[in-house]
Amino acid sequence: CTSIGESAFYECGSLTSIGDLSACTSFGQNAFLDCSNLSSIGNLSACTSIGASAFSGCSRLDSITINNSTPPTITASLDNTDITYLVPASAVADYRAADIWSDFKMRIISKDAEHTWTVAAPVLTSIGADQFENVMKLKLSGNIDSDDIMYMRNKMFNLHHLDLTDVTIVASDKEYYSGMKTSDNRVEGFFDLNRLRTIKLPTSAKVIGGKAFTRCSNLYDVTIPVGIETIENSSIFTFGWCNSLAAIQFPEGMTTIGSNAFRNCSGLKVVAFPSTLISIGASAFSGCPLVSVSLPEHLTSIAGDAFYGNSSLTTLRIPSSLESIGAQAFYNCPNLKDIYTYTVQPININSNTFSSYAAATLHIPTQGFNDYYASPTWGQFPL
């Protein structure tokens, strides 16, 4: 292969890797646009030109290695997913100064630097300020506070994978962002980090704060360990617009998923709820493309708009423990076909809790038929 044409692999969702590209001299515009599962490509050694948005939408592609000492010609930004470009150490300055390349110069680093770090906090001591830009994978241990969060946010421009499993977050009087400080065992502060792909949360943490991961648009894997009990209510959406996140598993022991927790996660299709869950907050999963929702026994409340606008939702299972469902909780779910409720007595709902009354089939306990049939709300379903 000497060239890859315009839009050659556009939206090839099954493409995960590409081998030898050492002889390839050019990549057309949009060549790999929206190859969302592409995670590795071969090194570029003969490349002289790359078209605009050639790698846009490749949210799992951490880096591209270019062996050329002379920067290839580009006409516009190559990606929108914060890919790191690894180039010869002697050529970093030339790439960073080159036309267009200079627009994302902090994502151009030496291919010969150390990119994977396993260290104990504090990061300023264990890594050093001169190496922050080279950190792509980081596994931390020990106590971290606002200083560590600040350095990860503001100085580690190429941090794609973060493992905080063995970390303890401790309170600090210092701000890492305007008005924000670390609190004991509370995960927060990673919002707007488009470069972040995966994160493992601390096993010592108890709470995920309301400003934890908002708009981390390339975050596709989050490990929430046993020990975390609550995702707090949020006005800015805790995981809102994490559009690369396709699945999430909540740990046993979690009791609360707060308001707006996963609102507008446009790629979230699968959730696994713990048996310990008690409440789901307002708009928690509003605007998600969930296909099937099986709510666990012990759940008692679902707030208004919780699953509003889940246009792909086809099946819903409601446990016998449920006591309340808020207004519009399942409104604007046009493909909802089967609703299984295990409460013998129909709980009180609003007339607009659902909007697919005529199209959906309500499956109820046999002994509750008369009460559901006579209900002014549940009775809107054909029984």
Protein backbone atom coordinates (compact mmCIF):
# COMPACT_ATOMS: atom_id res chain seq x y z
CA CYS A 1 0.00 0.00 0.00
CA THR A 2 1.39 3.39 -1.02
CA SER A 3 -1.72 5.47 -0.34
CA ILE A 4 -5.07 5.25 1.42
CA GLY A 5 -7.81 7.19 -0.32
CA GLU A 6 -10.40 9.64 0.89
CA SER A 7 -12.97 8.06 3.23
CA ALA A 8 -11.46 4.63 2.48
CA PHE A 9 -12.45 3.15 5.84
CA TYR A 10 -15.18 5.60 6.81
CA GLU A 11 -17.30 4.23 9.69
CA CYS A 12 -15.69 0.78 9.66
CA GLY A 13 -16.80 -0.05 13.17
CA SER A 14 -15.37 -3.57 13.04
CA LEU A 15 -11.86 -2.37 12.19
CA THR A 16 -9.67 -2.76 15.30
CA SER A 17 -6.10 -2.65 14.00
CA ILE A 18 -4.02 -1.99 10.89
CA GLY A 19 -0.63 -3.56 10.31
CA ASP A 20 2.36 -2.42 8.29
CA LEU A 21 1.98 1.11 6.91
CA SER A 22 5.69 1.80 6.49
CA ALA A 23 5.41 2.21 2.71
CA CYS A 24 2.28 4.35 2.75
CA THR A 25 2.99 7.90 1.55
CA SER A 26 -0.42 9.53 1.86
CA PHE A 27 -3.73 9.31 3.72
CA GLY A 28 -6.80 10.93 2.20
CA GLN A 29 -9.28 13.17 3.94
CA ASN A 30 -11.53 11.25 6.35
CA ALA A 31 -9.55 8.07 5.62
CA PHE A 32 -10.42 6.46 8.99
CA LEU A 33 -13.22 8.78 10.04
CA ASP A 34 -15.39 7.31 12.81
CA CYS A 35 -13.57 3.98 13.04
CA SER A 36 -14.59 3.95 16.68
CA ASN A 37 -12.97 0.60 17.55
CA LEU A 38 -9.65 1.19 15.83
CA SER A 39 -7.03 0.95 18.58
CA SER A 40 -3.70 0.55 16.76
CA ILE A 41 -2.08 1.26 13.43
CA GLY A 42 1.36 0.48 12.06
CA ASN A 43 4.16 3.02 12.18
CA LEU A 44 4.33 5.62 9.43
CA SER A 45 7.78 5.89 7.87
CA ALA A 46 7.27 7.21 4.33
CA CYS A 47 4.24 9.43 4.90
CA THR A 48 4.37 12.86 3.24
CA SER A 49 0.74 13.99 3.47
CA ILE A 50 -2.30 13.37 5.66
CA GLY A 51 -5.77 14.68 4.83
CA ALA A 52 -8.05 16.58 7.14
CA SER A 53 -9.88 14.52 9.79
CA ALA A 54 -8.12 11.37 8.65
CA PHE A 55 -8.40 9.94 12.19
CA SER A 56 -11.37 11.86 13.59
CA GLY A 57 -13.76 9.77 15.64
CA CYS A 58 -11.13 7.12 16.40
CA SER A 59 -11.77 7.32 20.12
CA ARG A 60 -9.81 4.17 20.99
CA LEU A 61 -6.69 5.15 19.08
CA ASP A 62 -4.22 6.45 21.66
CA SER A 63 -1.29 7.31 19.46
CA ILE A 64 0.22 7.31 15.98
CA THR A 65 3.96 6.82 15.52
CA ILE A 66 5.54 8.76 12.67
CA ASN A 67 9.18 7.95 11.97
CA ASN A 68 9.68 10.81 9.52
CA SER A 69 12.01 13.57 10.65
CA THR A 70 10.17 15.96 8.33
CA PRO A 71 6.54 16.58 9.30
CA PRO A 72 4.02 15.35 6.69
CA THR A 73 1.96 18.06 5.03
CA ILE A 74 -1.48 18.49 6.58
CA THR A 75 -4.25 20.94 5.66
CA ALA A 76 -6.32 20.79 8.84
CA SER A 77 -6.53 19.00 12.17
CA LEU A 78 -6.20 15.22 11.83
CA ASP A 79 -8.47 14.15 14.66
CA ASN A 80 -10.97 15.28 17.27
CA THR A 81 -10.13 12.65 19.85
CA ASP A 82 -6.86 13.93 21.34
CA ILE A 83 -4.60 11.36 19.68
CA THR A 84 -0.92 11.58 20.66
CA TYR A 85 1.65 11.78 17.85
CA LEU A 86 4.94 10.04 18.59
CA VAL A 87 7.85 11.33 16.50
CA PRO A 88 11.66 11.14 16.62
CA ALA A 89 13.07 13.04 19.60
CA SER A 90 15.19 15.19 17.32
CA ALA A 91 12.12 16.23 15.32
CA VAL A 92 9.69 17.18 18.12
CA ALA A 93 10.52 20.88 17.87
CA ASP A 94 10.11 20.87 14.08
CA TYR A 95 6.70 19.17 14.29
CA ARG A 96 5.51 21.55 16.99
CA ALA A 97 6.52 24.54 14.87
CA ALA A 98 5.15 23.22 11.57
CA ASP A 99 2.04 24.68 9.96
CA ILE A 100 -1.20 23.19 11.40
CA TRP A 101 0.80 20.75 13.57
CA SER A 102 1.46 23.69 15.89
CA ASP A 103 -2.29 23.83 16.65
CA PHE A 104 -1.96 20.66 18.71
CA LYS A 105 1.70 20.86 19.59
CA MET A 106 1.35 19.52 23.14
CA ARG A 107 0.14 16.20 21.71
CA ILE A 108 3.40 15.77 19.80
CA ILE A 109 6.02 14.02 21.92
CA SER A 110 9.13 11.90 21.54
CA LYS A 111 8.53 8.28 20.56
CA ASP A 112 11.61 7.36 22.58
CA ALA A 113 10.36 8.78 25.89
CA GLU A 114 8.87 6.69 28.71
CA HIS A 115 5.10 6.65 28.23
CA THR A 116 3.96 4.13 30.87
CA TRP A 117 4.43 5.01 34.53
CA THR A 118 3.73 3.06 37.73
CA VAL A 119 4.52 5.32 40.66
CA ALA A 120 3.53 6.38 44.15
CA ALA A 121 2.09 9.83 44.80
CA PRO A 122 2.88 12.69 44.78
CA VAL A 123 3.27 12.79 41.01
CA LEU A 124 5.45 15.90 40.99
CA THR A 125 8.11 14.04 42.96
CA SER A 126 7.77 10.58 41.40
CA ILE A 127 7.45 11.66 37.76
CA GLY A 128 8.78 15.21 37.59
CA ALA A 129 7.39 18.23 35.76
CA ASP A 130 9.67 17.69 32.76
CA GLN A 131 8.11 14.28 32.09
CA PHE A 132 4.42 15.09 32.59
CA GLU A 133 3.76 15.60 28.88
CA ASN A 134 5.09 12.10 28.08
CA VAL A 135 2.73 10.24 30.43
CA MET A 136 0.18 8.22 28.44
CA LYS A 137 -0.53 5.42 30.93
CA LEU A 138 -0.38 6.03 34.67
CA LYS A 139 -0.89 3.67 37.60
CA LEU A 140 -0.79 5.51 40.91
CA SER A 141 -0.69 4.40 44.54
CA GLY A 142 -0.73 6.19 47.88
CA ASN A 143 -2.52 9.35 48.98
CA ILE A 144 -3.43 11.93 46.35
CA ASP A 145 -4.86 15.42 46.83
CA SER A 146 -5.58 18.59 44.88
CA ASP A 147 -2.00 18.95 43.68
CA ASP A 148 -2.04 15.55 41.99
CA ILE A 149 -5.44 16.17 40.40
CA MET A 150 -4.24 19.56 39.15
CA TYR A 151 -1.12 18.12 37.53
CA MET A 152 -3.08 15.33 35.87
CA ARG A 153 -5.64 17.85 34.58
CA ASN A 154 -3.34 20.67 33.52
CA LYS A 155 0.03 19.14 32.66
CA MET A 156 -0.45 15.56 31.51
CA PHE A 157 -1.68 16.46 28.04
CA ASN A 158 -1.40 12.90 26.76
CA LEU A 159 -2.84 10.94 29.68
CA HIS A 160 -5.12 8.31 28.11
CA HIS A 161 -5.26 5.53 30.71
CA LEU A 162 -5.43 6.13 34.46
CA ASP A 163 -5.42 3.44 37.16
CA LEU A 164 -6.29 4.76 40.62
CA THR A 165 -7.12 1.36 42.12
CA ASP A 166 -4.56 1.67 44.92
CA VAL A 167 -5.04 5.37 45.58
CA THR A 168 -6.66 7.08 48.55
CA ILE A 169 -8.08 10.53 47.84
CA VAL A 170 -7.57 12.88 50.78
CA ALA A 171 -8.99 16.30 51.59
CA SER A 172 -7.03 19.41 50.68
CA ASP A 173 -7.43 23.14 51.34
CA LYS A 174 -5.90 23.89 47.93
CA GLU A 175 -8.03 24.23 44.81
CA TYR A 176 -7.25 22.13 41.74
CA TYR A 177 -9.87 24.04 39.74
CA SER A 178 -11.76 27.20 40.53
CA GLY A 179 -13.91 26.48 43.58
CA MET A 180 -12.99 22.79 43.72
CA LYS A 181 -10.86 20.89 46.25
CA THR A 182 -10.36 17.23 46.98
CA SER A 183 -12.42 15.61 49.75
CA ASP A 184 -11.77 12.35 51.56
CA ASN A 185 -12.70 9.29 49.47
CA ARG A 186 -14.60 11.34 46.88
CA VAL A 187 -13.86 10.99 43.16
CA GLU A 188 -14.23 14.21 41.22
CA GLY A 189 -12.40 16.65 38.98
CA PHE A 190 -11.75 14.77 35.74
CA PHE A 191 -14.38 16.63 33.71
CA ASP A 192 -13.58 17.95 30.19
CA LEU A 193 -10.60 15.60 29.75
CA ASN A 194 -11.24 14.42 26.19
CA ARG A 195 -7.87 12.69 26.14
CA LEU A 196 -8.93 10.21 28.85
CA ARG A 197 -9.87 6.76 27.48
CA THR A 198 -10.02 4.49 30.53
CA ILE A 199 -10.05 4.93 34.29
CA LYS A 200 -10.10 2.59 37.28
CA LEU A 201 -11.46 4.25 40.40
CA PRO A 202 -9.98 3.80 43.89
CA THR A 203 -11.16 0.84 45.95
CA SER A 204 -11.08 3.17 48.96
CA ALA A 205 -13.54 5.68 47.44
CA LYS A 206 -17.12 5.97 48.66
CA VAL A 207 -18.65 8.65 46.45
CA ILE A 208 -18.47 9.81 42.83
CA GLY A 209 -19.00 13.56 42.84
CA GLY A 210 -21.26 15.52 40.52
CA LYS A 211 -18.37 17.02 38.52
CA ALA A 212 -16.43 13.81 38.01
CA PHE A 213 -16.33 13.01 34.28
CA THR A 214 -18.63 15.43 32.47
CA ARG A 215 -17.80 15.76 28.76
CA CYS A 216 -15.02 13.14 28.73
CA SER A 217 -16.15 12.32 25.21
CA ASN A 218 -13.52 9.63 24.50
CA LEU A 219 -13.85 7.80 27.81
CA TYR A 220 -14.93 4.27 26.88
CA ASP A 221 -14.15 2.20 29.98
CA VAL A 222 -14.82 3.04 33.65
CA THR A 223 -14.15 0.56 36.44
CA ILE A 224 -16.27 1.33 39.50
CA PRO A 225 -15.10 -0.88 42.39
CA VAL A 226 -16.97 -2.36 45.30
CA GLY A 227 -16.97 0.28 48.03
CA ILE A 228 -18.45 3.13 46.04
CA GLU A 229 -21.96 3.60 47.39
CA THR A 230 -23.24 6.77 45.76
CA ILE A 231 -23.11 8.75 42.54
CA GLU A 232 -24.11 12.21 43.67
CA ASN A 233 -26.81 14.41 42.18
CA SER A 234 -25.34 16.68 39.54
CA SER A 235 -26.40 19.85 37.77
CA ILE A 236 -23.71 19.42 35.12
CA PHE A 237 -24.19 15.66 34.58
CA THR A 238 -21.63 13.40 36.32
CA PHE A 239 -20.85 11.29 33.24
CA GLY A 240 -22.84 13.49 30.86
CA TRP A 241 -21.76 13.43 27.23
CA CYS A 242 -19.32 10.57 27.77
CA ASN A 243 -20.37 9.48 24.31
CA SER A 244 -17.82 6.68 23.87
CA LEU A 245 -19.05 4.88 26.97
CA ALA A 246 -21.05 1.89 25.72
CA ALA A 247 -21.51 -0.13 28.91
CA ILE A 248 -21.29 0.36 32.66
CA GLN A 249 -21.39 -2.12 35.54
CA PHE A 250 -22.28 -0.85 38.97
CA PRO A 251 -20.78 -2.63 41.99
CA GLU A 252 -22.66 -4.47 44.67
CA GLY A 253 -23.10 -2.14 47.62
CA MET A 254 -24.05 0.89 45.53
CA THR A 255 -27.37 2.29 46.71
CA THR A 256 -27.85 5.58 44.85
CA ILE A 257 -27.47 6.76 41.27
CA GLY A 258 -28.03 10.49 41.44
CA SER A 259 -29.77 12.91 39.12
CA ASN A 260 -28.26 13.48 35.67
CA ALA A 261 -25.61 10.82 36.34
CA PHE A 262 -25.41 9.49 32.76
CA ARG A 263 -27.59 11.99 30.99
CA ASN A 264 -26.95 12.34 27.26
CA CYS A 265 -24.41 9.50 27.06
CA SER A 266 -25.27 8.90 23.42
CA GLY A 267 -23.36 5.60 23.19
CA LEU A 268 -24.51 3.94 26.42
CA LYS A 269 -26.41 0.78 25.49
CA VAL A 270 -25.88 -1.60 28.42
CA VAL A 271 -26.09 -1.09 32.19
CA ALA A 272 -25.80 -3.73 34.91
CA PHE A 273 -27.48 -2.61 38.12
CA PRO A 274 -26.49 -4.02 41.54
CA SER A 275 -29.00 -5.81 43.72
CA THR A 276 -28.35 -3.20 46.44
CA LEU A 277 -29.61 -0.23 44.41
CA ILE A 278 -32.36 1.75 46.16
CA SER A 279 -32.91 4.89 44.09
CA ILE A 280 -32.36 6.30 40.60
CA GLY A 281 -32.37 10.08 40.35
CA ALA A 282 -34.06 12.47 37.96
CA SER A 283 -32.81 12.28 34.35
CA ALA A 284 -30.14 9.79 35.44
CA PHE A 285 -30.21 7.98 32.08
CA SER A 286 -32.14 10.51 30.01
CA GLY A 287 -31.10 10.55 26.37
CA CYS A 288 -29.27 7.21 26.44
CA PRO A 289 -29.78 4.46 23.82
CA LEU A 290 -30.38 1.67 26.34
CA VAL A 291 -32.00 -1.35 24.72
CA SER A 292 -33.20 -3.29 27.77
CA VAL A 293 -33.55 -2.23 31.41
CA SER A 294 -33.88 -4.79 34.20
CA LEU A 295 -34.29 -2.99 37.49
CA PRO A 296 -33.13 -4.88 40.60
CA GLU A 297 -35.14 -6.11 43.53
CA HIS A 298 -34.76 -3.67 46.48
CA LEU A 299 -35.08 -0.62 44.18
CA THR A 300 -37.75 1.63 45.70
CA SER A 301 -37.79 4.83 43.66
CA ILE A 302 -37.26 6.08 40.12
CA ALA A 303 -37.37 9.86 39.82
CA GLY A 304 -38.91 11.87 37.02
CA ASP A 305 -37.33 11.78 33.55
CA ALA A 306 -34.95 9.04 34.71
CA PHE A 307 -35.03 7.21 31.36
CA TYR A 308 -36.65 9.96 29.27
CA GLY A 309 -35.86 9.79 25.57
CA ASN A 310 -34.34 6.29 25.51
CA SER A 311 -35.39 5.82 21.91
CA SER A 312 -33.84 2.34 21.60
CA LEU A 313 -35.47 0.91 24.73
CA THR A 314 -37.61 -2.14 23.93
CA THR A 315 -37.92 -4.04 27.24
CA LEU A 316 -38.41 -2.89 30.82
CA ARG A 317 -38.60 -5.00 33.99
CA ILE A 318 -39.93 -3.36 37.17
CA PRO A 319 -39.28 -5.12 40.53
CA SER A 320 -41.89 -5.83 43.17
CA SER A 321 -40.02 -3.58 45.62
CA LEU A 322 -40.66 -0.40 43.63
CA GLU A 323 -42.75 2.21 45.45
CA SER A 324 -42.66 5.23 43.12
CA ILE A 325 -42.00 6.21 39.50
CA GLY A 326 -41.79 9.91 38.69
CA ALA A 327 -43.39 11.85 35.86
CA GLN A 328 -41.99 11.20 32.39
CA ALA A 329 -39.62 8.58 33.77
CA PHE A 330 -40.10 6.52 30.59
CA TYR A 331 -41.62 9.18 28.37
CA ASN A 332 -40.56 9.47 24.74
CA CYS A 333 -39.38 5.85 24.57
CA PRO A 334 -41.17 5.09 21.28
CA ASN A 335 -39.83 1.56 20.83
CA LEU A 336 -40.81 0.28 24.27
CA LYS A 337 -42.76 -2.90 23.51
CA ASP A 338 -42.73 -5.01 26.66
CA ILE A 339 -43.08 -3.86 30.26
CA TYR A 340 -42.91 -6.49 32.99
CA THR A 341 -44.05 -5.33 36.41
CA TYR A 342 -43.85 -7.61 39.43
CA THR A 343 -45.79 -5.40 41.84
CA VAL A 344 -49.14 -7.07 42.60
CA GLN A 345 -50.76 -3.77 43.52
CA PRO A 346 -50.21 -1.04 40.90
CA ILE A 347 -48.11 1.80 42.29
CA ASN A 348 -49.13 5.40 41.70
CA ILE A 349 -47.75 6.87 38.48
CA ASN A 350 -48.51 9.94 36.39
CA SER A 351 -50.40 9.75 33.14
CA ASN A 352 -47.20 10.89 31.43
CA THR A 353 -44.84 8.45 33.14
CA PHE A 354 -44.98 6.48 29.89
CA SER A 355 -45.89 7.67 26.41
CA SER A 356 -46.15 4.34 24.60
CA TYR A 357 -49.32 3.05 26.25
CA ALA A 358 -51.00 1.93 23.04
CA ALA A 359 -47.92 0.30 21.52
CA ALA A 360 -46.51 -1.55 24.54
CA THR A 361 -47.63 -4.77 26.18
CA LEU A 362 -47.92 -4.68 29.97
CA HIS A 363 -47.11 -7.98 31.69
CA ILE A 364 -48.52 -8.10 35.24
CA PRO A 365 -48.99 -10.60 38.08
CA THR A 366 -52.19 -12.57 37.42
CA GLN A 367 -53.66 -11.76 40.82
CA GLY A 368 -53.32 -8.01 40.13
CA PHE A 369 -55.28 -7.95 36.87
CA ASN A 370 -58.43 -6.27 38.18
CA ASP A 371 -56.53 -3.49 39.93
CA TYR A 372 -54.34 -2.73 36.91
CA TYR A 373 -57.34 -2.88 34.58
CA ALA A 374 -59.23 -0.33 36.70
CA SER A 375 -56.24 2.00 37.20
CA PRO A 376 -56.64 5.38 35.43
CA THR A 377 -52.93 5.30 34.57
CA TRP A 378 -51.87 1.66 34.20
CA GLY A 379 -55.21 0.98 32.59
CA GLN A 380 -54.07 3.00 29.56
CA PHE A 381 -52.11 -0.10 28.51
CA PRO A 382 -54.15 -2.68 26.57
CA LEU A 383 -54.83 -5.51 29.05
